[in-house]
Amino acid sequence: AFACCGYGQPLTMIDLLGYTLMSFSTLCAAPAFTGPGLARKTRLWFIANGLLAPFLLLQVYWPGLIYVGALWLVTFPAAMLCLALLFRRPRTGS
């Protein structure tokens, strides 16, 4: 069923590895955002996106996981929007 989509092809595997590493990196970066409000929302979106990493990687073996991995289309933009808003705020302190 997924033969037309390139599953099992080397470039598809490289693509999935890239998305997996990108999601895993957001999980690793999540603890950097401390505090309430927008920082908390950013941290939660980073965690949500990072938790998708195994599902993205395992699509190589189980293509049906694309339905879970597709949540990346929501979590990643939301995480990046929160990050942009957080960085846009004026800094306090020295």
PDB file of N, CA and C in Angstrom:
ATOM      1  N   ALA A   1       0.819  -1.196   0.000  1.00  0.00           N
ATOM      2  CA  ALA A   1       0.000   0.000   0.000  1.00  0.00           C
ATOM      3  C   ALA A   1       0.862   1.259   0.000  1.00  0.00           C
ATOM      4  N   PHE A   2       2.046   1.169   0.615  1.00  0.00           N
ATOM      5  CA  PHE A   2       2.892   2.351   0.718  1.00  0.00           C
ATOM      6  C   PHE A   2       4.021   2.349  -0.299  1.00  0.00           C
ATOM      7  N   ALA A   3       4.024   1.403  -1.227  1.00  0.00           N
ATOM      8  CA  ALA A   3       5.109   1.316  -2.205  1.00  0.00           C
ATOM      9  C   ALA A   3       5.210   2.582  -3.054  1.00  0.00           C
ATOM     10  N   CYS A   4       4.072   3.206  -3.324  1.00  0.00           N
ATOM     11  CA  CYS A   4       4.095   4.415  -4.144  1.00  0.00           C
ATOM     12  C   CYS A   4       4.668   5.609  -3.398  1.00  0.00           C
ATOM     13  N   CYS A   5       4.733   5.523  -2.085  1.00  0.00           N
ATOM     14  CA  CYS A   5       5.188   6.648  -1.275  1.00  0.00           C
ATOM     15  C   CYS A   5       6.677   6.610  -0.992  1.00  0.00           C
ATOM     16  N   GLY A   6       7.365   5.586  -1.436  1.00  0.00           N
ATOM     17  CA  GLY A   6       8.802   5.531  -1.251  1.00  0.00           C
ATOM     18  C   GLY A   6       9.264   4.882   0.034  1.00  0.00           C
ATOM     19  N   TYR A   7       8.382   4.236   0.758  1.00  0.00           N
ATOM     20  CA  TYR A   7       8.801   3.584   1.999  1.00  0.00           C
ATOM     21  C   TYR A   7       9.780   2.476   1.680  1.00  0.00           C
ATOM     22  N   GLY A   8      10.826   2.390   2.471  1.00  0.00           N
ATOM     23  CA  GLY A   8      11.867   1.410   2.243  1.00  0.00           C
ATOM     24  C   GLY A   8      12.959   1.931   1.328  1.00  0.00           C
ATOM     25  N   GLN A   9      12.783   3.126   0.790  1.00  0.00           N
ATOM     26  CA  GLN A   9      13.780   3.726  -0.084  1.00  0.00           C
ATOM     27  C   GLN A   9      14.815   4.465   0.762  1.00  0.00           C
ATOM     28  N   PRO A  10      16.076   4.471   0.332  1.00  0.00           N
ATOM     29  CA  PRO A  10      17.129   5.130   1.128  1.00  0.00           C
ATOM     30  C   PRO A  10      16.849   6.606   1.435  1.00  0.00           C
ATOM     31  N   LEU A  11      16.369   7.365   0.470  1.00  0.00           N
ATOM     32  CA  LEU A  11      16.130   8.787   0.729  1.00  0.00           C
ATOM     33  C   LEU A  11      14.965   9.004   1.686  1.00  0.00           C
ATOM     34  N   THR A  12      13.979   8.124   1.653  1.00  0.00           N
ATOM     35  CA  THR A  12      12.883   8.217   2.612  1.00  0.00           C
ATOM     36  C   THR A  12      13.411   7.960   4.021  1.00  0.00           C
ATOM     37  N   MET A  13      14.303   7.006   4.146  1.00  0.00           N
ATOM     38  CA  MET A  13      14.894   6.710   5.458  1.00  0.00           C
ATOM     39  C   MET A  13      15.719   7.888   5.973  1.00  0.00           C
ATOM     40  N   ILE A  14      16.459   8.527   5.091  1.00  0.00           N
ATOM     41  CA  ILE A  14      17.242   9.701   5.492  1.00  0.00           C
ATOM     42  C   ILE A  14      16.312  10.839   5.905  1.00  0.00           C
ATOM     43  N   ASP A  15      15.234  11.023   5.172  1.00  0.00           N
ATOM     44  CA  ASP A  15      14.247  12.052   5.497  1.00  0.00           C
ATOM     45  C   ASP A  15      13.641  11.805   6.882  1.00  0.00           C
ATOM     46  N   LEU A  16      13.243  10.568   7.135  1.00  0.00           N
ATOM     47  CA  LEU A  16      12.670  10.231   8.439  1.00  0.00           C
ATOM     48  C   LEU A  16      13.684  10.393   9.554  1.00  0.00           C
ATOM     49  N   LEU A  17      14.935  10.067   9.283  1.00  0.00           N
ATOM     50  CA  LEU A  17      15.984  10.264  10.289  1.00  0.00           C
ATOM     51  C   LEU A  17      16.139  11.745  10.611  1.00  0.00           C
ATOM     52  N   GLY A  18      16.076  12.591   9.593  1.00  0.00           N
ATOM     53  CA  GLY A  18      16.175  14.033   9.822  1.00  0.00           C
ATOM     54  C   GLY A  18      15.042  14.569  10.681  1.00  0.00           C
ATOM     55  N   TYR A  19      13.821  14.158  10.375  1.00  0.00           N
ATOM     56  CA  TYR A  19      12.674  14.589  11.180  1.00  0.00           C
ATOM     57  C   TYR A  19      12.761  14.034  12.601  1.00  0.00           C
ATOM     58  N   THR A  20      13.262  12.822  12.728  1.00  0.00           N
ATOM     59  CA  THR A  20      13.422  12.222  14.056  1.00  0.00           C
ATOM     60  C   THR A  20      14.418  13.022  14.884  1.00  0.00           C
ATOM     61  N   LEU A  21      15.566  13.338  14.300  1.00  0.00           N
ATOM     62  CA  LEU A  21      16.581  14.092  15.035  1.00  0.00           C
ATOM     63  C   LEU A  21      16.107  15.497  15.371  1.00  0.00           C
ATOM     64  N   MET A  22      15.338  16.101  14.480  1.00  0.00           N
ATOM     65  CA  MET A  22      14.798  17.426  14.753  1.00  0.00           C
ATOM     66  C   MET A  22      13.819  17.368  15.933  1.00  0.00           C
ATOM     67  N   SER A  23      12.973  16.352  15.952  1.00  0.00           N
ATOM     68  CA  SER A  23      12.032  16.210  17.060  1.00  0.00           C
ATOM     69  C   SER A  23      12.760  15.892  18.361  1.00  0.00           C
ATOM     70  N   PHE A  24      13.757  15.012  18.279  1.00  0.00           N
ATOM     71  CA  PHE A  24      14.520  14.667  19.479  1.00  0.00           C
ATOM     72  C   PHE A  24      15.255  15.893  20.027  1.00  0.00           C
ATOM     73  N   SER A  25      15.736  16.755  19.148  1.00  0.00           N
ATOM     74  CA  SER A  25      16.443  17.952  19.610  1.00  0.00           C
ATOM     75  C   SER A  25      15.505  18.889  20.369  1.00  0.00           C
ATOM     76  N   THR A  26      14.235  18.959  19.976  1.00  0.00           N
ATOM     77  CA  THR A  26      13.304  19.799  20.735  1.00  0.00           C
ATOM     78  C   THR A  26      13.071  19.219  22.127  1.00  0.00           C
ATOM     79  N   LEU A  27      13.069  17.895  22.234  1.00  0.00           N
ATOM     80  CA  LEU A  27      12.922  17.262  23.549  1.00  0.00           C
ATOM     81  C   LEU A  27      14.117  17.599  24.433  1.00  0.00           C
ATOM     82  N   CYS A  28      15.300  17.577  23.860  1.00  0.00           N
ATOM     83  CA  CYS A  28      16.511  17.906  24.618  1.00  0.00           C
ATOM     84  C   CYS A  28      16.563  19.386  25.004  1.00  0.00           C
ATOM     85  N   ALA A  29      16.007  20.251  24.172  1.00  0.00           N
ATOM     86  CA  ALA A  29      16.041  21.689  24.435  1.00  0.00           C
ATOM     87  C   ALA A  29      14.931  22.141  25.381  1.00  0.00           C
ATOM     88  N   ALA A  30      13.916  21.337  25.569  1.00  0.00           N
ATOM     89  CA  ALA A  30      12.750  21.736  26.375  1.00  0.00           C
ATOM     90  C   ALA A  30      13.102  22.222  27.785  1.00  0.00           C
ATOM     91  N   PRO A  31      14.022  21.573  28.503  1.00  0.00           N
ATOM     92  CA  PRO A  31      14.324  22.050  29.860  1.00  0.00           C
ATOM     93  C   PRO A  31      14.930  23.454  29.915  1.00  0.00           C
ATOM     94  N   ALA A  32      15.374  23.984  28.809  1.00  0.00           N
ATOM     95  CA  ALA A  32      15.955  25.328  28.798  1.00  0.00           C
ATOM     96  C   ALA A  32      14.905  26.409  29.033  1.00  0.00           C
ATOM     97  N   PHE A  33      13.655  26.074  28.823  1.00  0.00           N
ATOM     98  CA  PHE A  33      12.580  27.059  28.970  1.00  0.00           C
ATOM     99  C   PHE A  33      11.923  26.870  30.325  1.00  0.00           C
ATOM    100  N   THR A  34      12.306  27.719  31.241  1.00  0.00           N
ATOM    101  CA  THR A  34      11.794  27.616  32.607  1.00  0.00           C
ATOM    102  C   THR A  34      10.848  28.767  32.888  1.00  0.00           C
ATOM    103  N   GLY A  35      10.020  28.565  33.864  1.00  0.00           N
ATOM    104  CA  GLY A  35       9.115  29.617  34.283  1.00  0.00           C
ATOM    105  C   GLY A  35       7.706  29.414  33.765  1.00  0.00           C
ATOM    106  N   PRO A  36       6.827  30.312  34.195  1.00  0.00           N
ATOM    107  CA  PRO A  36       5.408  30.206  33.812  1.00  0.00           C
ATOM    108  C   PRO A  36       5.135  30.905  32.486  1.00  0.00           C
ATOM    109  N   GLY A  37       3.887  30.879  32.101  1.00  0.00           N
ATOM    110  CA  GLY A  37       3.431  31.619  30.936  1.00  0.00           C
ATOM    111  C   GLY A  37       3.941  31.062  29.623  1.00  0.00           C
ATOM    112  N   LEU A  38       4.450  31.951  28.792  1.00  0.00           N
ATOM    113  CA  LEU A  38       4.890  31.573  27.457  1.00  0.00           C
ATOM    114  C   LEU A  38       6.056  30.588  27.497  1.00  0.00           C
ATOM    115  N   ALA A  39       6.939  30.728  28.464  1.00  0.00           N
ATOM    116  CA  ALA A  39       8.059  29.781  28.586  1.00  0.00           C
ATOM    117  C   ALA A  39       7.531  28.377  28.867  1.00  0.00           C
ATOM    118  N   ARG A  40       6.509  28.271  29.690  1.00  0.00           N
ATOM    119  CA  ARG A  40       5.912  26.960  29.989  1.00  0.00           C
ATOM    120  C   ARG A  40       5.248  26.375  28.746  1.00  0.00           C
ATOM    121  N   LYS A  41       4.508  27.205  28.016  1.00  0.00           N
ATOM    122  CA  LYS A  41       3.865  26.723  26.792  1.00  0.00           C
ATOM    123  C   LYS A  41       4.915  26.254  25.776  1.00  0.00           C
ATOM    124  N   THR A  42       5.992  27.011  25.669  1.00  0.00           N
ATOM    125  CA  THR A  42       7.071  26.635  24.755  1.00  0.00           C
ATOM    126  C   THR A  42       7.648  25.289  25.160  1.00  0.00           C
ATOM    127  N   ARG A  43       7.920  25.138  26.450  1.00  0.00           N
ATOM    128  CA  ARG A  43       8.468  23.873  26.958  1.00  0.00           C
ATOM    129  C   ARG A  43       7.529  22.703  26.665  1.00  0.00           C
ATOM    130  N   LEU A  44       6.243  22.881  26.884  1.00  0.00           N
ATOM    131  CA  LEU A  44       5.283  21.804  26.646  1.00  0.00           C
ATOM    132  C   LEU A  44       5.175  21.438  25.165  1.00  0.00           C
ATOM    133  N   TRP A  45       5.191  22.431  24.290  1.00  0.00           N
ATOM    134  CA  TRP A  45       5.156  22.131  22.853  1.00  0.00           C
ATOM    135  C   TRP A  45       6.438  21.441  22.406  1.00  0.00           C
ATOM    136  N   PHE A  46       7.582  21.858  22.977  1.00  0.00           N
ATOM    137  CA  PHE A  46       8.852  21.195  22.655  1.00  0.00           C
ATOM    138  C   PHE A  46       8.809  19.734  23.105  1.00  0.00           C
ATOM    139  N   ILE A  47       8.275  19.490  24.282  1.00  0.00           N
ATOM    140  CA  ILE A  47       8.173  18.113  24.775  1.00  0.00           C
ATOM    141  C   ILE A  47       7.229  17.304  23.893  1.00  0.00           C
ATOM    142  N   ALA A  48       6.073  17.866  23.563  1.00  0.00           N
ATOM    143  CA  ALA A  48       5.108  17.157  22.724  1.00  0.00           C
ATOM    144  C   ALA A  48       5.729  16.794  21.378  1.00  0.00           C
ATOM    145  N   ASN A  49       6.455  17.729  20.790  1.00  0.00           N
ATOM    146  CA  ASN A  49       7.107  17.449  19.513  1.00  0.00           C
ATOM    147  C   ASN A  49       8.205  16.402  19.679  1.00  0.00           C
ATOM    148  N   GLY A  50       8.954  16.483  20.750  1.00  0.00           N
ATOM    149  CA  GLY A  50      10.034  15.531  20.984  1.00  0.00           C
ATOM    150  C   GLY A  50       9.548  14.118  21.216  1.00  0.00           C
ATOM    151  N   LEU A  51       8.393  13.976  21.818  1.00  0.00           N
ATOM    152  CA  LEU A  51       7.856  12.639  22.076  1.00  0.00           C
ATOM    153  C   LEU A  51       7.406  11.928  20.798  1.00  0.00           C
ATOM    154  N   LEU A  52       7.331  12.653  19.710  1.00  0.00           N
ATOM    155  CA  LEU A  52       6.978  12.033  18.432  1.00  0.00           C
ATOM    156  C   LEU A  52       8.181  11.377  17.746  1.00  0.00           C
ATOM    157  N   ALA A  53       9.384  11.630  18.245  1.00  0.00           N
ATOM    158  CA  ALA A  53      10.600  11.123  17.596  1.00  0.00           C
ATOM    159  C   ALA A  53      10.570   9.615  17.358  1.00  0.00           C
ATOM    160  N   PRO A  54      10.202   8.782  18.337  1.00  0.00           N
ATOM    161  CA  PRO A  54      10.192   7.340  18.067  1.00  0.00           C
ATOM    162  C   PRO A  54       9.211   6.948  16.961  1.00  0.00           C
ATOM    163  N   PHE A  55       8.079   7.614  16.913  1.00  0.00           N
ATOM    164  CA  PHE A  55       7.080   7.292  15.900  1.00  0.00           C
ATOM    165  C   PHE A  55       7.568   7.678  14.505  1.00  0.00           C
ATOM    166  N   LEU A  56       8.316   8.769  14.431  1.00  0.00           N
ATOM    167  CA  LEU A  56       8.874   9.182  13.147  1.00  0.00           C
ATOM    168  C   LEU A  56       9.919   8.183  12.670  1.00  0.00           C
ATOM    169  N   LEU A  57      10.803   7.783  13.567  1.00  0.00           N
ATOM    170  CA  LEU A  57      11.862   6.851  13.188  1.00  0.00           C
ATOM    171  C   LEU A  57      11.307   5.475  12.835  1.00  0.00           C
ATOM    172  N   LEU A  58      10.340   5.013  13.601  1.00  0.00           N
ATOM    173  CA  LEU A  58       9.814   3.666  13.388  1.00  0.00           C
ATOM    174  C   LEU A  58       8.930   3.543  12.147  1.00  0.00           C
ATOM    175  N   GLN A  59       8.648   4.666  11.486  1.00  0.00           N
ATOM    176  CA  GLN A  59       7.910   4.600  10.227  1.00  0.00           C
ATOM    177  C   GLN A  59       8.676   3.821   9.170  1.00  0.00           C
ATOM    178  N   VAL A  60       9.994   3.719   9.346  1.00  0.00           N
ATOM    179  CA  VAL A  60      10.804   2.945   8.413  1.00  0.00           C
ATOM    180  C   VAL A  60      10.333   1.493   8.398  1.00  0.00           C
ATOM    181  N   TYR A  61       9.972   0.977   9.570  1.00  0.00           N
ATOM    182  CA  TYR A  61       9.557  -0.419   9.692  1.00  0.00           C
ATOM    183  C   TYR A  61       8.044  -0.604   9.653  1.00  0.00           C
ATOM    184  N   TRP A  62       7.314   0.368  10.200  1.00  0.00           N
ATOM    185  CA  TRP A  62       5.851   0.301  10.244  1.00  0.00           C
ATOM    186  C   TRP A  62       5.278   1.577   9.634  1.00  0.00           C
ATOM    187  N   PRO A  63       5.072   1.595   8.325  1.00  0.00           N
ATOM    188  CA  PRO A  63       4.595   2.807   7.649  1.00  0.00           C
ATOM    189  C   PRO A  63       3.275   3.350   8.191  1.00  0.00           C
ATOM    190  N   GLY A  64       2.464   2.509   8.817  1.00  0.00           N
ATOM    191  CA  GLY A  64       1.206   2.977   9.381  1.00  0.00           C
ATOM    192  C   GLY A  64       1.376   3.992  10.499  1.00  0.00           C
ATOM    193  N   LEU A  65       2.578   4.078  11.051  1.00  0.00           N
ATOM    194  CA  LEU A  65       2.839   5.061  12.112  1.00  0.00           C
ATOM    195  C   LEU A  65       2.837   6.491  11.580  1.00  0.00           C
ATOM    196  N   ILE A  66       2.690   6.631  10.286  1.00  0.00           N
ATOM    197  CA  ILE A  66       2.629   7.979   9.713  1.00  0.00           C
ATOM    198  C   ILE A  66       1.459   8.766  10.300  1.00  0.00           C
ATOM    199  N   TYR A  67       0.419   8.063  10.711  1.00  0.00           N
ATOM    200  CA  TYR A  67      -0.748   8.748  11.266  1.00  0.00           C
ATOM    201  C   TYR A  67      -0.444   9.360  12.636  1.00  0.00           C
ATOM    202  N   VAL A  68       0.429   8.747  13.389  1.00  0.00           N
ATOM    203  CA  VAL A  68       0.872   9.338  14.658  1.00  0.00           C
ATOM    204  C   VAL A  68       1.936  10.390  14.374  1.00  0.00           C
ATOM    205  N   GLY A  69       2.882  10.038  13.503  1.00  0.00           N
ATOM    206  CA  GLY A  69       3.958  10.966  13.165  1.00  0.00           C
ATOM    207  C   GLY A  69       3.457  12.255  12.534  1.00  0.00           C
ATOM    208  N   ALA A  70       2.302  12.195  11.907  1.00  0.00           N
ATOM    209  CA  ALA A  70       1.739  13.381  11.267  1.00  0.00           C
ATOM    210  C   ALA A  70       1.361  14.465  12.277  1.00  0.00           C
ATOM    211  N   LEU A  71       1.283  14.112  13.543  1.00  0.00           N
ATOM    212  CA  LEU A  71       1.032  15.125  14.570  1.00  0.00           C
ATOM    213  C   LEU A  71       2.148  16.166  14.597  1.00  0.00           C
ATOM    214  N   TRP A  72       3.299  15.799  14.012  1.00  0.00           N
ATOM    215  CA  TRP A  72       4.417  16.716  13.874  1.00  0.00           C
ATOM    216  C   TRP A  72       3.984  17.984  13.138  1.00  0.00           C
ATOM    217  N   LEU A  73       3.008  17.850  12.251  1.00  0.00           N
ATOM    218  CA  LEU A  73       2.526  18.995  11.487  1.00  0.00           C
ATOM    219  C   LEU A  73       1.836  20.038  12.364  1.00  0.00           C
ATOM    220  N   VAL A  74       1.476  19.654  13.577  1.00  0.00           N
ATOM    221  CA  VAL A  74       0.870  20.585  14.528  1.00  0.00           C
ATOM    222  C   VAL A  74       1.872  20.990  15.594  1.00  0.00           C
ATOM    223  N   THR A  75       2.574  20.004  16.160  1.00  0.00           N
ATOM    224  CA  THR A  75       3.444  20.287  17.302  1.00  0.00           C
ATOM    225  C   THR A  75       4.656  21.132  16.930  1.00  0.00           C
ATOM    226  N   PHE A  76       5.279  20.868  15.785  1.00  0.00           N
ATOM    227  CA  PHE A  76       6.479  21.633  15.429  1.00  0.00           C
ATOM    228  C   PHE A  76       6.172  23.100  15.144  1.00  0.00           C
ATOM    229  N   PRO A  77       5.181  23.419  14.301  1.00  0.00           N
ATOM    230  CA  PRO A  77       4.877  24.844  14.099  1.00  0.00           C
ATOM    231  C   PRO A  77       4.457  25.554  15.389  1.00  0.00           C
ATOM    232  N   ALA A  78       3.706  24.863  16.239  1.00  0.00           N
ATOM    233  CA  ALA A  78       3.297  25.487  17.505  1.00  0.00           C
ATOM    234  C   ALA A  78       4.512  25.760  18.389  1.00  0.00           C
ATOM    235  N   ALA A  79       5.436  24.815  18.439  1.00  0.00           N
ATOM    236  CA  ALA A  79       6.655  25.001  19.236  1.00  0.00           C
ATOM    237  C   ALA A  79       7.474  26.176  18.700  1.00  0.00           C
ATOM    238  N   MET A  80       7.600  26.259  17.384  1.00  0.00           N
ATOM    239  CA  MET A  80       8.400  27.336  16.792  1.00  0.00           C
ATOM    240  C   MET A  80       7.713  28.695  16.926  1.00  0.00           C
ATOM    241  N   LEU A  81       6.392  28.713  16.869  1.00  0.00           N
ATOM    242  CA  LEU A  81       5.667  29.968  17.076  1.00  0.00           C
ATOM    243  C   LEU A  81       5.872  30.464  18.510  1.00  0.00           C
ATOM    244  N   CYS A  82       5.741  29.565  19.473  1.00  0.00           N
ATOM    245  CA  CYS A  82       5.973  29.946  20.866  1.00  0.00           C
ATOM    246  C   CYS A  82       7.406  30.417  21.069  1.00  0.00           C
ATOM    247  N   LEU A  83       8.349  29.739  20.435  1.00  0.00           N
ATOM    248  CA  LEU A  83       9.756  30.131  20.554  1.00  0.00           C
ATOM    249  C   LEU A  83       9.988  31.523  19.970  1.00  0.00           C
ATOM    250  N   ALA A  84       9.413  31.785  18.810  1.00  0.00           N
ATOM    251  CA  ALA A  84       9.558  33.104  18.183  1.00  0.00           C
ATOM    252  C   ALA A  84       8.950  34.194  19.069  1.00  0.00           C
ATOM    253  N   LEU A  85       7.782  33.925  19.635  1.00  0.00           N
ATOM    254  CA  LEU A  85       7.153  34.906  20.523  1.00  0.00           C
ATOM    255  C   LEU A  85       7.973  35.106  21.786  1.00  0.00           C
ATOM    256  N   LEU A  86       8.554  34.045  22.282  1.00  0.00           N
ATOM    257  CA  LEU A  86       9.382  34.141  23.488  1.00  0.00           C
ATOM    258  C   LEU A  86      10.633  34.963  23.217  1.00  0.00           C
ATOM    259  N   PHE A  87      11.262  34.754  22.081  1.00  0.00           N
ATOM    260  CA  PHE A  87      12.472  35.510  21.738  1.00  0.00           C
ATOM    261  C   PHE A  87      12.171  36.952  21.349  1.00  0.00           C
ATOM    262  N   ARG A  88      10.948  37.206  20.971  1.00  0.00           N
ATOM    263  CA  ARG A  88      10.564  38.557  20.562  1.00  0.00           C
ATOM    264  C   ARG A  88      10.355  39.477  21.762  1.00  0.00           C
ATOM    265  N   ARG A  89      10.026  38.885  22.904  1.00  0.00           N
ATOM    266  CA  ARG A  89       9.785  39.680  24.098  1.00  0.00           C
ATOM    267  C   ARG A  89      11.043  40.420  24.526  1.00  0.00           C
ATOM    268  N   PRO A  90      10.880  41.630  25.072  1.00  0.00           N
ATOM    269  CA  PRO A  90      12.071  42.349  25.541  1.00  0.00           C
ATOM    270  C   PRO A  90      12.696  41.614  26.740  1.00  0.00           C
ATOM    271  N   ARG A  91      13.999  41.631  26.774  1.00  0.00           N
ATOM    272  CA  ARG A  91      14.719  40.975  27.876  1.00  0.00           C
ATOM    273  C   ARG A  91      14.678  41.845  29.116  1.00  0.00           C
ATOM    274  N   THR A  92      14.656  41.169  30.253  1.00  0.00           N
ATOM    275  CA  THR A  92      14.707  41.896  31.523  1.00  0.00           C
ATOM    276  C   THR A  92      16.040  41.589  32.187  1.00  0.00           C
ATOM    277  N   GLY A  93      16.516  42.484  32.989  1.00  0.00           N
ATOM    278  CA  GLY A  93      17.792  42.270  33.668  1.00  0.00           C
ATOM    279  C   GLY A  93      18.939  42.877  32.874  1.00  0.00           C
ATOM    280  N   SER A  94      20.155  42.465  33.234  1.00  0.00           N
ATOM    281  CA  SER A  94      21.352  43.057  32.603  1.00  0.00           C
ATOM    282  C   SER A  94      21.845  42.301  31.425  1.00  0.00           C
TER     283      SER A  94
END
